[in-house]
Amino acid sequence: MTIKQMQQAKAIAQSDACLPNYSLDCFAGLCLASFEPVTCSLEQVAKFIRHQCLCFDEKTWDEDAYKDILYSRKKFII
């Protein structure tokens, strides 16, 4: 996944886009050294970003959580 694609996924995540049909199972264990690259869609990554980074008040974004995903972006094959 390129940085531009990651920026697009973040923009989708921060929008009002409905992303209910995308599974997040492929991202389980992302921060583990043994995590293998996964094939996924831009929308799946957007949903994952939203799931991981949107705080409970649904207004605040956890930028540290986003940075963790950003550093792992090369493990996402779009």
PDB file of N, CA and C in Angstrom:
ATOM      1  N   MET A   1       0.855  -1.169   0.000  1.00  0.00           N
ATOM      2  CA  MET A   1       0.000   0.000   0.000  1.00  0.00           C
ATOM      3  C   MET A   1       0.900   1.230   0.000  1.00  0.00           C
ATOM      4  N   THR A   2       0.625   2.139  -0.887  1.00  0.00           N
ATOM      5  CA  THR A   2       1.413   3.365  -0.964  1.00  0.00           C
ATOM      6  C   THR A   2       0.928   4.370   0.080  1.00  0.00           C
ATOM      7  N   ILE A   3       1.717   5.389   0.303  1.00  0.00           N
ATOM      8  CA  ILE A   3       1.330   6.437   1.248  1.00  0.00           C
ATOM      9  C   ILE A   3       0.091   7.171   0.743  1.00  0.00           C
ATOM     10  N   LYS A   4      -0.009   7.348  -0.571  1.00  0.00           N
ATOM     11  CA  LYS A   4      -1.185   8.015  -1.141  1.00  0.00           C
ATOM     12  C   LYS A   4      -2.447   7.182  -0.894  1.00  0.00           C
ATOM     13  N   GLN A   5      -2.357   5.875  -1.083  1.00  0.00           N
ATOM     14  CA  GLN A   5      -3.499   5.001  -0.804  1.00  0.00           C
ATOM     15  C   GLN A   5      -3.869   5.051   0.676  1.00  0.00           C
ATOM     16  N   MET A   6      -2.868   5.123   1.535  1.00  0.00           N
ATOM     17  CA  MET A   6      -3.131   5.201   2.972  1.00  0.00           C
ATOM     18  C   MET A   6      -3.849   6.502   3.308  1.00  0.00           C
ATOM     19  N   GLN A   7      -3.445   7.588   2.688  1.00  0.00           N
ATOM     20  CA  GLN A   7      -4.124   8.870   2.900  1.00  0.00           C
ATOM     21  C   GLN A   7      -5.565   8.810   2.419  1.00  0.00           C
ATOM     22  N   GLN A   8      -5.787   8.123   1.295  1.00  0.00           N
ATOM     23  CA  GLN A   8      -7.149   7.951   0.787  1.00  0.00           C
ATOM     24  C   GLN A   8      -7.985   7.125   1.765  1.00  0.00           C
ATOM     25  N   ALA A   9      -7.401   6.069   2.301  1.00  0.00           N
ATOM     26  CA  ALA A   9      -8.116   5.222   3.258  1.00  0.00           C
ATOM     27  C   ALA A   9      -8.458   6.012   4.517  1.00  0.00           C
ATOM     28  N   LYS A  10      -7.539   6.840   4.979  1.00  0.00           N
ATOM     29  CA  LYS A  10      -7.812   7.655   6.164  1.00  0.00           C
ATOM     30  C   LYS A  10      -8.931   8.649   5.876  1.00  0.00           C
ATOM     31  N   ALA A  11      -8.929   9.247   4.690  1.00  0.00           N
ATOM     32  CA  ALA A  11      -9.989  10.189   4.322  1.00  0.00           C
ATOM     33  C   ALA A  11     -11.348   9.487   4.296  1.00  0.00           C
ATOM     34  N   ILE A  12     -11.389   8.274   3.775  1.00  0.00           N
ATOM     35  CA  ILE A  12     -12.629   7.504   3.771  1.00  0.00           C
ATOM     36  C   ILE A  12     -13.056   7.203   5.207  1.00  0.00           C
ATOM     37  N   ALA A  13     -12.095   6.800   6.034  1.00  0.00           N
ATOM     38  CA  ALA A  13     -12.390   6.477   7.431  1.00  0.00           C
ATOM     39  C   ALA A  13     -12.957   7.677   8.181  1.00  0.00           C
ATOM     40  N   GLN A  14     -12.462   8.859   7.879  1.00  0.00           N
ATOM     41  CA  GLN A  14     -12.907  10.062   8.584  1.00  0.00           C
ATOM     42  C   GLN A  14     -14.169  10.670   7.975  1.00  0.00           C
ATOM     43  N   SER A  15     -14.633  10.095   6.876  1.00  0.00           N
ATOM     44  CA  SER A  15     -15.862  10.586   6.250  1.00  0.00           C
ATOM     45  C   SER A  15     -17.069   9.862   6.852  1.00  0.00           C
ATOM     46  N   ASP A  16     -18.219  10.149   6.310  1.00  0.00           N
ATOM     47  CA  ASP A  16     -19.442   9.486   6.749  1.00  0.00           C
ATOM     48  C   ASP A  16     -19.727   8.221   5.939  1.00  0.00           C
ATOM     49  N   ALA A  17     -18.756   7.755   5.190  1.00  0.00           N
ATOM     50  CA  ALA A  17     -18.950   6.575   4.344  1.00  0.00           C
ATOM     51  C   ALA A  17     -19.378   5.379   5.183  1.00  0.00           C
ATOM     52  N   CYS A  18     -20.342   4.643   4.673  1.00  0.00           N
ATOM     53  CA  CYS A  18     -20.828   3.440   5.330  1.00  0.00           C
ATOM     54  C   CYS A  18     -19.925   2.274   4.922  1.00  0.00           C
ATOM     55  N   LEU A  19     -19.320   1.595   5.884  1.00  0.00           N
ATOM     56  CA  LEU A  19     -18.390   0.505   5.598  1.00  0.00           C
ATOM     57  C   LEU A  19     -18.772  -0.782   6.345  1.00  0.00           C
ATOM     58  N   PRO A  20     -20.040  -1.174   6.324  1.00  0.00           N
ATOM     59  CA  PRO A  20     -20.464  -2.295   7.169  1.00  0.00           C
ATOM     60  C   PRO A  20     -20.102  -3.683   6.655  1.00  0.00           C
ATOM     61  N   ASN A  21     -19.872  -3.851   5.372  1.00  0.00           N
ATOM     62  CA  ASN A  21     -19.717  -5.189   4.809  1.00  0.00           C
ATOM     63  C   ASN A  21     -18.278  -5.671   4.733  1.00  0.00           C
ATOM     64  N   TYR A  22     -17.364  -4.957   5.333  1.00  0.00           N
ATOM     65  CA  TYR A  22     -15.965  -5.318   5.218  1.00  0.00           C
ATOM     66  C   TYR A  22     -15.469  -5.965   6.503  1.00  0.00           C
ATOM     67  N   SER A  23     -14.909  -7.155   6.369  1.00  0.00           N
ATOM     68  CA  SER A  23     -14.394  -7.895   7.515  1.00  0.00           C
ATOM     69  C   SER A  23     -13.030  -7.334   7.930  1.00  0.00           C
ATOM     70  N   LEU A  24     -12.780  -7.365   9.230  1.00  0.00           N
ATOM     71  CA  LEU A  24     -11.499  -6.908   9.761  1.00  0.00           C
ATOM     72  C   LEU A  24     -10.629  -8.080  10.217  1.00  0.00           C
ATOM     73  N   ASP A  25     -11.103  -9.290  10.011  1.00  0.00           N
ATOM     74  CA  ASP A  25     -10.392 -10.480  10.481  1.00  0.00           C
ATOM     75  C   ASP A  25      -8.978 -10.598   9.916  1.00  0.00           C
ATOM     76  N   CYS A  26      -8.775 -10.138   8.708  1.00  0.00           N
ATOM     77  CA  CYS A  26      -7.453 -10.274   8.085  1.00  0.00           C
ATOM     78  C   CYS A  26      -6.383  -9.425   8.771  1.00  0.00           C
ATOM     79  N   PHE A  27      -6.793  -8.460   9.599  1.00  0.00           N
ATOM     80  CA  PHE A  27      -5.839  -7.572  10.265  1.00  0.00           C
ATOM     81  C   PHE A  27      -5.444  -8.048  11.662  1.00  0.00           C
ATOM     82  N   ALA A  28      -6.006  -9.158  12.096  1.00  0.00           N
ATOM     83  CA  ALA A  28      -5.697  -9.685  13.430  1.00  0.00           C
ATOM     84  C   ALA A  28      -4.208  -9.994  13.542  1.00  0.00           C
ATOM     85  N   GLY A  29      -3.575  -9.472  14.569  1.00  0.00           N
ATOM     86  CA  GLY A  29      -2.153  -9.694  14.796  1.00  0.00           C
ATOM     87  C   GLY A  29      -1.242  -8.795  13.989  1.00  0.00           C
ATOM     88  N   LEU A  30      -1.752  -7.673  13.514  1.00  0.00           N
ATOM     89  CA  LEU A  30      -0.993  -6.776  12.639  1.00  0.00           C
ATOM     90  C   LEU A  30       0.365  -6.378  13.214  1.00  0.00           C
ATOM     91  N   CYS A  31       0.457  -6.114  14.482  1.00  0.00           N
ATOM     92  CA  CYS A  31       1.713  -5.621  15.070  1.00  0.00           C
ATOM     93  C   CYS A  31       2.685  -6.736  15.450  1.00  0.00           C
ATOM     94  N   LEU A  32       2.298  -7.982  15.214  1.00  0.00           N
ATOM     95  CA  LEU A  32       3.198  -9.093  15.517  1.00  0.00           C
ATOM     96  C   LEU A  32       4.228  -9.263  14.404  1.00  0.00           C
ATOM     97  N   ALA A  33       5.419  -9.657  14.777  1.00  0.00           N
ATOM     98  CA  ALA A  33       6.490  -9.846  13.794  1.00  0.00           C
ATOM     99  C   ALA A  33       6.141 -10.928  12.778  1.00  0.00           C
ATOM    100  N   SER A  34       5.327 -11.891  13.167  1.00  0.00           N
ATOM    101  CA  SER A  34       4.973 -13.002  12.286  1.00  0.00           C
ATOM    102  C   SER A  34       3.809 -12.685  11.344  1.00  0.00           C
ATOM    103  N   PHE A  35       3.269 -11.455  11.418  1.00  0.00           N
ATOM    104  CA  PHE A  35       2.134 -11.084  10.580  1.00  0.00           C
ATOM    105  C   PHE A  35       2.548 -11.088   9.115  1.00  0.00           C
ATOM    106  N   GLU A  36       1.817 -11.831   8.302  1.00  0.00           N
ATOM    107  CA  GLU A  36       2.094 -11.930   6.872  1.00  0.00           C
ATOM    108  C   GLU A  36       1.277 -10.881   6.115  1.00  0.00           C
ATOM    109  N   PRO A  37       1.780 -10.390   4.992  1.00  0.00           N
ATOM    110  CA  PRO A  37       1.012  -9.429   4.189  1.00  0.00           C
ATOM    111  C   PRO A  37      -0.359  -9.995   3.804  1.00  0.00           C
ATOM    112  N   VAL A  38      -1.347  -9.114   3.746  1.00  0.00           N
ATOM    113  CA  VAL A  38      -2.712  -9.508   3.415  1.00  0.00           C
ATOM    114  C   VAL A  38      -3.200  -8.727   2.204  1.00  0.00           C
ATOM    115  N   THR A  39      -4.017  -9.377   1.415  1.00  0.00           N
ATOM    116  CA  THR A  39      -4.669  -8.710   0.296  1.00  0.00           C
ATOM    117  C   THR A  39      -5.992  -8.159   0.804  1.00  0.00           C
ATOM    118  N   CYS A  40      -6.206  -6.874   0.601  1.00  0.00           N
ATOM    119  CA  CYS A  40      -7.406  -6.225   1.114  1.00  0.00           C
ATOM    120  C   CYS A  40      -7.766  -5.047   0.211  1.00  0.00           C
ATOM    121  N   SER A  41      -8.946  -4.520   0.447  1.00  0.00           N
ATOM    122  CA  SER A  41      -9.391  -3.371  -0.339  1.00  0.00           C
ATOM    123  C   SER A  41      -9.107  -2.079   0.424  1.00  0.00           C
ATOM    124  N   LEU A  42      -9.140  -0.985  -0.292  1.00  0.00           N
ATOM    125  CA  LEU A  42      -8.965   0.335   0.315  1.00  0.00           C
ATOM    126  C   LEU A  42     -10.047   0.564   1.369  1.00  0.00           C
ATOM    127  N   GLU A  43     -11.261   0.117   1.080  1.00  0.00           N
ATOM    128  CA  GLU A  43     -12.369   0.290   2.017  1.00  0.00           C
ATOM    129  C   GLU A  43     -12.175  -0.542   3.277  1.00  0.00           C
ATOM    130  N   GLN A  44     -11.590  -1.742   3.145  1.00  0.00           N
ATOM    131  CA  GLN A  44     -11.303  -2.555   4.336  1.00  0.00           C
ATOM    132  C   GLN A  44     -10.297  -1.845   5.234  1.00  0.00           C
ATOM    133  N   VAL A  45      -9.267  -1.279   4.640  1.00  0.00           N
ATOM    134  CA  VAL A  45      -8.272  -0.545   5.420  1.00  0.00           C
ATOM    135  C   VAL A  45      -8.931   0.665   6.074  1.00  0.00           C
ATOM    136  N   ALA A  46      -9.813   1.346   5.351  1.00  0.00           N
ATOM    137  CA  ALA A  46     -10.531   2.496   5.916  1.00  0.00           C
ATOM    138  C   ALA A  46     -11.354   2.073   7.130  1.00  0.00           C
ATOM    139  N   LYS A  47     -12.043   0.959   7.015  1.00  0.00           N
ATOM    140  CA  LYS A  47     -12.844   0.481   8.142  1.00  0.00           C
ATOM    141  C   LYS A  47     -11.940   0.115   9.319  1.00  0.00           C
ATOM    142  N   PHE A  48     -10.795  -0.496   9.029  1.00  0.00           N
ATOM    143  CA  PHE A  48      -9.848  -0.840  10.082  1.00  0.00           C
ATOM    144  C   PHE A  48      -9.318   0.414  10.772  1.00  0.00           C
ATOM    145  N   ILE A  49      -8.985   1.431   9.990  1.00  0.00           N
ATOM    146  CA  ILE A  49      -8.525   2.695  10.567  1.00  0.00           C
ATOM    147  C   ILE A  49      -9.613   3.279  11.463  1.00  0.00           C
ATOM    148  N   ARG A  50     -10.826   3.308  10.965  1.00  0.00           N
ATOM    149  CA  ARG A  50     -11.942   3.844  11.756  1.00  0.00           C
ATOM    150  C   ARG A  50     -12.123   3.047  13.050  1.00  0.00           C
ATOM    151  N   HIS A  51     -12.054   1.736  12.928  1.00  0.00           N
ATOM    152  CA  HIS A  51     -12.246   0.863  14.095  1.00  0.00           C
ATOM    153  C   HIS A  51     -11.152   1.076  15.144  1.00  0.00           C
ATOM    154  N   GLN A  52      -9.922   1.216  14.697  1.00  0.00           N
ATOM    155  CA  GLN A  52      -8.792   1.341  15.613  1.00  0.00           C
ATOM    156  C   GLN A  52      -8.589   2.755  16.152  1.00  0.00           C
ATOM    157  N   CYS A  53      -8.929   3.761  15.369  1.00  0.00           N
ATOM    158  CA  CYS A  53      -8.522   5.128  15.695  1.00  0.00           C
ATOM    159  C   CYS A  53      -9.635   6.046  16.193  1.00  0.00           C
ATOM    160  N   LEU A  54     -10.872   5.723  15.903  1.00  0.00           N
ATOM    161  CA  LEU A  54     -11.969   6.581  16.330  1.00  0.00           C
ATOM    162  C   LEU A  54     -12.263   6.315  17.800  1.00  0.00           C
ATOM    163  N   CYS A  55     -12.182   7.350  18.615  1.00  0.00           N
ATOM    164  CA  CYS A  55     -12.403   7.209  20.055  1.00  0.00           C
ATOM    165  C   CYS A  55     -13.894   7.045  20.356  1.00  0.00           C
ATOM    166  N   PHE A  56     -14.186   6.701  21.589  1.00  0.00           N
ATOM    167  CA  PHE A  56     -15.562   6.412  21.997  1.00  0.00           C
ATOM    168  C   PHE A  56     -16.514   7.581  21.800  1.00  0.00           C
ATOM    169  N   ASP A  57     -16.016   8.802  21.856  1.00  0.00           N
ATOM    170  CA  ASP A  57     -16.905   9.948  21.659  1.00  0.00           C
ATOM    171  C   ASP A  57     -17.267  10.151  20.191  1.00  0.00           C
ATOM    172  N   GLU A  58     -16.688   9.353  19.305  1.00  0.00           N
ATOM    173  CA  GLU A  58     -16.918   9.369  17.864  1.00  0.00           C
ATOM    174  C   GLU A  58     -16.601  10.713  17.203  1.00  0.00           C
ATOM    175  N   LYS A  59     -15.737  11.493  17.838  1.00  0.00           N
ATOM    176  CA  LYS A  59     -15.297  12.769  17.282  1.00  0.00           C
ATOM    177  C   LYS A  59     -13.775  12.874  17.268  1.00  0.00           C
ATOM    178  N   THR A  60     -13.135  12.254  18.237  1.00  0.00           N
ATOM    179  CA  THR A  60     -11.695  12.353  18.426  1.00  0.00           C
ATOM    180  C   THR A  60     -10.993  11.166  17.769  1.00  0.00           C
ATOM    181  N   TRP A  61      -9.857  11.458  17.119  1.00  0.00           N
ATOM    182  CA  TRP A  61      -9.063  10.417  16.473  1.00  0.00           C
ATOM    183  C   TRP A  61      -7.785  10.192  17.254  1.00  0.00           C
ATOM    184  N   ASP A  62      -7.421   8.939  17.458  1.00  0.00           N
ATOM    185  CA  ASP A  62      -6.192   8.565  18.141  1.00  0.00           C
ATOM    186  C   ASP A  62      -5.080   8.500  17.101  1.00  0.00           C
ATOM    187  N   GLU A  63      -4.281   9.542  17.029  1.00  0.00           N
ATOM    188  CA  GLU A  63      -3.220   9.618  16.015  1.00  0.00           C
ATOM    189  C   GLU A  63      -2.111   8.603  16.267  1.00  0.00           C
ATOM    190  N   ASP A  64      -1.879   8.231  17.519  1.00  0.00           N
ATOM    191  CA  ASP A  64      -0.871   7.203  17.803  1.00  0.00           C
ATOM    192  C   ASP A  64      -1.296   5.859  17.213  1.00  0.00           C
ATOM    193  N   ALA A  65      -2.569   5.533  17.339  1.00  0.00           N
ATOM    194  CA  ALA A  65      -3.084   4.292  16.748  1.00  0.00           C
ATOM    195  C   ALA A  65      -2.958   4.354  15.226  1.00  0.00           C
ATOM    196  N   TYR A  66      -3.233   5.519  14.648  1.00  0.00           N
ATOM    197  CA  TYR A  66      -3.093   5.669  13.199  1.00  0.00           C
ATOM    198  C   TYR A  66      -1.638   5.474  12.775  1.00  0.00           C
ATOM    199  N   LYS A  67      -0.704   6.003  13.530  1.00  0.00           N
ATOM    200  CA  LYS A  67       0.713   5.853  13.193  1.00  0.00           C
ATOM    201  C   LYS A  67       1.123   4.383  13.189  1.00  0.00           C
ATOM    202  N   ASP A  68       0.579   3.598  14.126  1.00  0.00           N
ATOM    203  CA  ASP A  68       0.873   2.165  14.151  1.00  0.00           C
ATOM    204  C   ASP A  68       0.421   1.500  12.858  1.00  0.00           C
ATOM    205  N   ILE A  69      -0.768   1.870  12.387  1.00  0.00           N
ATOM    206  CA  ILE A  69      -1.286   1.310  11.139  1.00  0.00           C
ATOM    207  C   ILE A  69      -0.466   1.828   9.956  1.00  0.00           C
ATOM    208  N   LEU A  70      -0.131   3.107   9.983  1.00  0.00           N
ATOM    209  CA  LEU A  70       0.653   3.712   8.909  1.00  0.00           C
ATOM    210  C   LEU A  70       1.992   2.996   8.743  1.00  0.00           C
ATOM    211  N   TYR A  71       2.659   2.687   9.843  1.00  0.00           N
ATOM    212  CA  TYR A  71       3.952   2.003   9.767  1.00  0.00           C
ATOM    213  C   TYR A  71       3.813   0.581   9.234  1.00  0.00           C
ATOM    214  N   SER A  72       2.634   0.007   9.320  1.00  0.00           N
ATOM    215  CA  SER A  72       2.402  -1.367   8.861  1.00  0.00           C
ATOM    216  C   SER A  72       1.803  -1.424   7.457  1.00  0.00           C
ATOM    217  N   ARG A  73       1.652  -0.289   6.810  1.00  0.00           N
ATOM    218  CA  ARG A  73       0.934  -0.220   5.531  1.00  0.00           C
ATOM    219  C   ARG A  73       1.542  -1.099   4.448  1.00  0.00           C
ATOM    220  N   LYS A  74       2.810  -1.380   4.512  1.00  0.00           N
ATOM    221  CA  LYS A  74       3.456  -2.200   3.479  1.00  0.00           C
ATOM    222  C   LYS A  74       3.009  -3.657   3.557  1.00  0.00           C
ATOM    223  N   LYS A  75       2.319  -4.001   4.624  1.00  0.00           N
ATOM    224  CA  LYS A  75       1.782  -5.361   4.767  1.00  0.00           C
ATOM    225  C   LYS A  75       0.400  -5.481   4.144  1.00  0.00           C
ATOM    226  N   PHE A  76      -0.122  -4.392   3.588  1.00  0.00           N
ATOM    227  CA  PHE A  76      -1.435  -4.395   2.940  1.00  0.00           C
ATOM    228  C   PHE A  76      -1.237  -4.382   1.430  1.00  0.00           C
ATOM    229  N   ILE A  77      -1.767  -5.369   0.777  1.00  0.00           N
ATOM    230  CA  ILE A  77      -1.702  -5.448  -0.684  1.00  0.00           C
ATOM    231  C   ILE A  77      -3.086  -5.089  -1.216  1.00  0.00           C
ATOM    232  N   ILE A  78      -3.157  -3.963  -1.893  1.00  0.00           N
ATOM    233  CA  ILE A  78      -4.445  -3.469  -2.397  1.00  0.00           C
ATOM    234  C   ILE A  78      -4.712  -4.075  -3.760  1.00  0.00           C
TER     235      ILE A  78
END
